[in-house]
Amino acid sequence: MRATKRRFDPNLQKVRIFVGAAPRRVYVCTRCLKAGKVTKAV
């Protein structure tokens, strides 16, 4: 038995993305960015 339970937290990055019509700064996981689930606002 291990002394502590290890947590695997998501790798969150603060990114400017389009939410609706306006760009916003939102925390997005790097998996979502790599998979193309969210698009960056340029």
PDB file of N, CA and C in Angstrom:
ATOM      1  N   MET A   1       0.847  -1.198   0.000  1.00  0.00           N
ATOM      2  CA  MET A   1       0.000   0.000   0.000  1.00  0.00           C
ATOM      3  C   MET A   1       0.885   1.251   0.000  1.00  0.00           C
ATOM      4  N   ARG A   2       0.487   2.215  -0.818  1.00  0.00           N
ATOM      5  CA  ARG A   2       1.263   3.448  -0.906  1.00  0.00           C
ATOM      6  C   ARG A   2       0.846   4.426   0.178  1.00  0.00           C
ATOM      7  N   ALA A   3       1.797   5.238   0.615  1.00  0.00           N
ATOM      8  CA  ALA A   3       1.533   6.198   1.689  1.00  0.00           C
ATOM      9  C   ALA A   3       0.605   7.320   1.216  1.00  0.00           C
ATOM     10  N   THR A   4       0.797   7.781  -0.037  1.00  0.00           N
ATOM     11  CA  THR A   4      -0.041   8.868  -0.559  1.00  0.00           C
ATOM     12  C   THR A   4      -0.608   8.484  -1.912  1.00  0.00           C
ATOM     13  N   LYS A   5      -1.800   8.940  -2.169  1.00  0.00           N
ATOM     14  CA  LYS A   5      -2.433   8.726  -3.467  1.00  0.00           C
ATOM     15  C   LYS A   5      -1.993   9.850  -4.398  1.00  0.00           C
ATOM     16  N   ARG A   6      -1.432   9.496  -5.550  1.00  0.00           N
ATOM     17  CA  ARG A   6      -0.956  10.499  -6.491  1.00  0.00           C
ATOM     18  C   ARG A   6      -2.113  10.966  -7.361  1.00  0.00           C
ATOM     19  N   ARG A   7      -2.170  12.305  -7.571  1.00  0.00           N
ATOM     20  CA  ARG A   7      -3.222  12.877  -8.411  1.00  0.00           C
ATOM     21  C   ARG A   7      -2.639  13.272  -9.756  1.00  0.00           C
ATOM     22  N   PHE A   8      -3.360  12.991 -10.814  1.00  0.00           N
ATOM     23  CA  PHE A   8      -2.962  13.392 -12.155  1.00  0.00           C
ATOM     24  C   PHE A   8      -3.881  14.529 -12.584  1.00  0.00           C
ATOM     25  N   ASP A   9      -3.417  15.758 -12.379  1.00  0.00           N
ATOM     26  CA  ASP A   9      -4.204  16.937 -12.727  1.00  0.00           C
ATOM     27  C   ASP A   9      -4.022  17.276 -14.206  1.00  0.00           C
ATOM     28  N   PRO A  10      -5.044  17.880 -14.832  1.00  0.00           N
ATOM     29  CA  PRO A  10      -4.908  18.266 -16.239  1.00  0.00           C
ATOM     30  C   PRO A  10      -3.932  19.421 -16.399  1.00  0.00           C
ATOM     31  N   ASN A  11      -3.243  19.442 -17.538  1.00  0.00           N
ATOM     32  CA  ASN A  11      -2.277  20.488 -17.854  1.00  0.00           C
ATOM     33  C   ASN A  11      -3.038  21.668 -18.439  1.00  0.00           C
ATOM     34  N   LEU A  12      -3.376  22.650 -17.593  1.00  0.00           N
ATOM     35  CA  LEU A  12      -4.184  23.786 -18.013  1.00  0.00           C
ATOM     36  C   LEU A  12      -3.314  24.970 -18.408  1.00  0.00           C
ATOM     37  N   GLN A  13      -3.710  25.624 -19.508  1.00  0.00           N
ATOM     38  CA  GLN A  13      -3.027  26.814 -20.001  1.00  0.00           C
ATOM     39  C   GLN A  13      -4.063  27.912 -20.180  1.00  0.00           C
ATOM     40  N   LYS A  14      -3.686  29.154 -19.892  1.00  0.00           N
ATOM     41  CA  LYS A  14      -4.597  30.281 -20.095  1.00  0.00           C
ATOM     42  C   LYS A  14      -4.447  30.759 -21.540  1.00  0.00           C
ATOM     43  N   VAL A  15      -5.517  30.613 -22.321  1.00  0.00           N
ATOM     44  CA  VAL A  15      -5.467  30.862 -23.753  1.00  0.00           C
ATOM     45  C   VAL A  15      -6.621  31.768 -24.156  1.00  0.00           C
ATOM     46  N   ARG A  16      -6.366  32.629 -25.147  1.00  0.00           N
ATOM     47  CA  ARG A  16      -7.439  33.460 -25.708  1.00  0.00           C
ATOM     48  C   ARG A  16      -8.168  32.645 -26.773  1.00  0.00           C
ATOM     49  N   ILE A  17      -9.455  32.357 -26.530  1.00  0.00           N
ATOM     50  CA  ILE A  17     -10.274  31.640 -27.503  1.00  0.00           C
ATOM     51  C   ILE A  17     -11.576  32.397 -27.705  1.00  0.00           C
ATOM     52  N   PHE A  18     -12.264  32.083 -28.800  1.00  0.00           N
ATOM     53  CA  PHE A  18     -13.553  32.711 -29.069  1.00  0.00           C
ATOM     54  C   PHE A  18     -14.642  31.979 -28.310  1.00  0.00           C
ATOM     55  N   VAL A  19     -15.301  32.692 -27.389  1.00  0.00           N
ATOM     56  CA  VAL A  19     -16.460  32.165 -26.665  1.00  0.00           C
ATOM     57  C   VAL A  19     -17.647  32.967 -27.160  1.00  0.00           C
ATOM     58  N   GLY A  20     -18.459  32.335 -28.004  1.00  0.00           N
ATOM     59  CA  GLY A  20     -19.538  33.074 -28.659  1.00  0.00           C
ATOM     60  C   GLY A  20     -18.944  33.930 -29.762  1.00  0.00           C
ATOM     61  N   ALA A  21     -19.099  35.256 -29.641  1.00  0.00           N
ATOM     62  CA  ALA A  21     -18.559  36.160 -30.659  1.00  0.00           C
ATOM     63  C   ALA A  21     -17.280  36.844 -30.192  1.00  0.00           C
ATOM     64  N   ALA A  22     -17.115  36.987 -28.875  1.00  0.00           N
ATOM     65  CA  ALA A  22     -15.989  37.745 -28.339  1.00  0.00           C
ATOM     66  C   ALA A  22     -14.866  36.816 -27.866  1.00  0.00           C
ATOM     67  N   PRO A  23     -13.603  37.228 -28.055  1.00  0.00           N
ATOM     68  CA  PRO A  23     -12.495  36.432 -27.536  1.00  0.00           C
ATOM     69  C   PRO A  23     -12.344  36.618 -26.032  1.00  0.00           C
ATOM     70  N   ARG A  24     -12.042  35.535 -25.334  1.00  0.00           N
ATOM     71  CA  ARG A  24     -11.865  35.580 -23.883  1.00  0.00           C
ATOM     72  C   ARG A  24     -10.651  34.762 -23.488  1.00  0.00           C
ATOM     73  N   ARG A  25     -10.101  35.084 -22.307  1.00  0.00           N
ATOM     74  CA  ARG A  25      -9.003  34.281 -21.750  1.00  0.00           C
ATOM     75  C   ARG A  25      -9.616  33.198 -20.865  1.00  0.00           C
ATOM     76  N   VAL A  26      -9.374  31.956 -21.247  1.00  0.00           N
ATOM     77  CA  VAL A  26      -9.983  30.817 -20.558  1.00  0.00           C
ATOM     78  C   VAL A  26      -8.901  29.763 -20.315  1.00  0.00           C
ATOM     79  N   TYR A  27      -9.032  29.024 -19.223  1.00  0.00           N
ATOM     80  CA  TYR A  27      -8.124  27.911 -18.963  1.00  0.00           C
ATOM     81  C   TYR A  27      -8.564  26.709 -19.807  1.00  0.00           C
ATOM     82  N   VAL A  28      -7.630  26.211 -20.631  1.00  0.00           N
ATOM     83  CA  VAL A  28      -7.914  25.092 -21.529  1.00  0.00           C
ATOM     84  C   VAL A  28      -6.821  24.048 -21.339  1.00  0.00           C
ATOM     85  N   CYS A  29      -7.207  22.772 -21.352  1.00  0.00           N
ATOM     86  CA  CYS A  29      -6.208  21.713 -21.219  1.00  0.00           C
ATOM     87  C   CYS A  29      -5.444  21.552 -22.530  1.00  0.00           C
ATOM     88  N   THR A  30      -4.184  21.139 -22.430  1.00  0.00           N
ATOM     89  CA  THR A  30      -3.331  21.016 -23.607  1.00  0.00           C
ATOM     90  C   THR A  30      -3.810  19.901 -24.535  1.00  0.00           C
ATOM     91  N   ARG A  31      -4.490  18.913 -23.986  1.00  0.00           N
ATOM     92  CA  ARG A  31      -5.052  17.845 -24.827  1.00  0.00           C
ATOM     93  C   ARG A  31      -6.092  18.407 -25.793  1.00  0.00           C
ATOM     94  N   CYS A  32      -6.933  19.332 -25.292  1.00  0.00           N
ATOM     95  CA  CYS A  32      -7.972  19.950 -26.126  1.00  0.00           C
ATOM     96  C   CYS A  32      -7.350  20.826 -27.208  1.00  0.00           C
ATOM     97  N   LEU A  33      -6.284  21.543 -26.868  1.00  0.00           N
ATOM     98  CA  LEU A  33      -5.592  22.377 -27.841  1.00  0.00           C
ATOM     99  C   LEU A  33      -4.969  21.532 -28.935  1.00  0.00           C
ATOM    100  N   LYS A  34      -4.334  20.441 -28.553  1.00  0.00           N
ATOM    101  CA  LYS A  34      -3.651  19.565 -29.505  1.00  0.00           C
ATOM    102  C   LYS A  34      -4.661  18.837 -30.406  1.00  0.00           C
ATOM    103  N   ALA A  35      -5.815  18.462 -29.842  1.00  0.00           N
ATOM    104  CA  ALA A  35      -6.834  17.738 -30.598  1.00  0.00           C
ATOM    105  C   ALA A  35      -7.633  18.653 -31.520  1.00  0.00           C
ATOM    106  N   GLY A  36      -7.511  19.988 -31.312  1.00  0.00           N
ATOM    107  CA  GLY A  36      -8.244  20.925 -32.155  1.00  0.00           C
ATOM    108  C   GLY A  36      -9.677  21.145 -31.708  1.00  0.00           C
ATOM    109  N   LYS A  37      -9.976  20.835 -30.459  1.00  0.00           N
ATOM    110  CA  LYS A  37     -11.336  21.036 -29.939  1.00  0.00           C
ATOM    111  C   LYS A  37     -11.639  22.513 -29.709  1.00  0.00           C
ATOM    112  N   VAL A  38     -10.583  23.308 -29.464  1.00  0.00           N
ATOM    113  CA  VAL A  38     -10.740  24.754 -29.325  1.00  0.00           C
ATOM    114  C   VAL A  38      -9.747  25.439 -30.261  1.00  0.00           C
ATOM    115  N   THR A  39     -10.141  26.593 -30.800  1.00  0.00           N
ATOM    116  CA  THR A  39      -9.263  27.326 -31.704  1.00  0.00           C
ATOM    117  C   THR A  39      -8.842  28.614 -31.035  1.00  0.00           C
ATOM    118  N   LYS A  40      -7.567  28.949 -31.159  1.00  0.00           N
ATOM    119  CA  LYS A  40      -7.026  30.162 -30.559  1.00  0.00           C
ATOM    120  C   LYS A  40      -7.514  31.392 -31.316  1.00  0.00           C
ATOM    121  N   ALA A  41      -7.707  32.490 -30.583  1.00  0.00           N
ATOM    122  CA  ALA A  41      -8.039  33.784 -31.191  1.00  0.00           C
ATOM    123  C   ALA A  41      -6.724  34.510 -31.462  1.00  0.00           C
ATOM    124  N   VAL A  42      -6.539  34.929 -32.699  1.00  0.00           N
ATOM    125  CA  VAL A  42      -5.277  35.597 -33.072  1.00  0.00           C
ATOM    126  C   VAL A  42      -5.406  37.091 -32.967  1.00  0.00           C
TER     127      VAL A  42
END
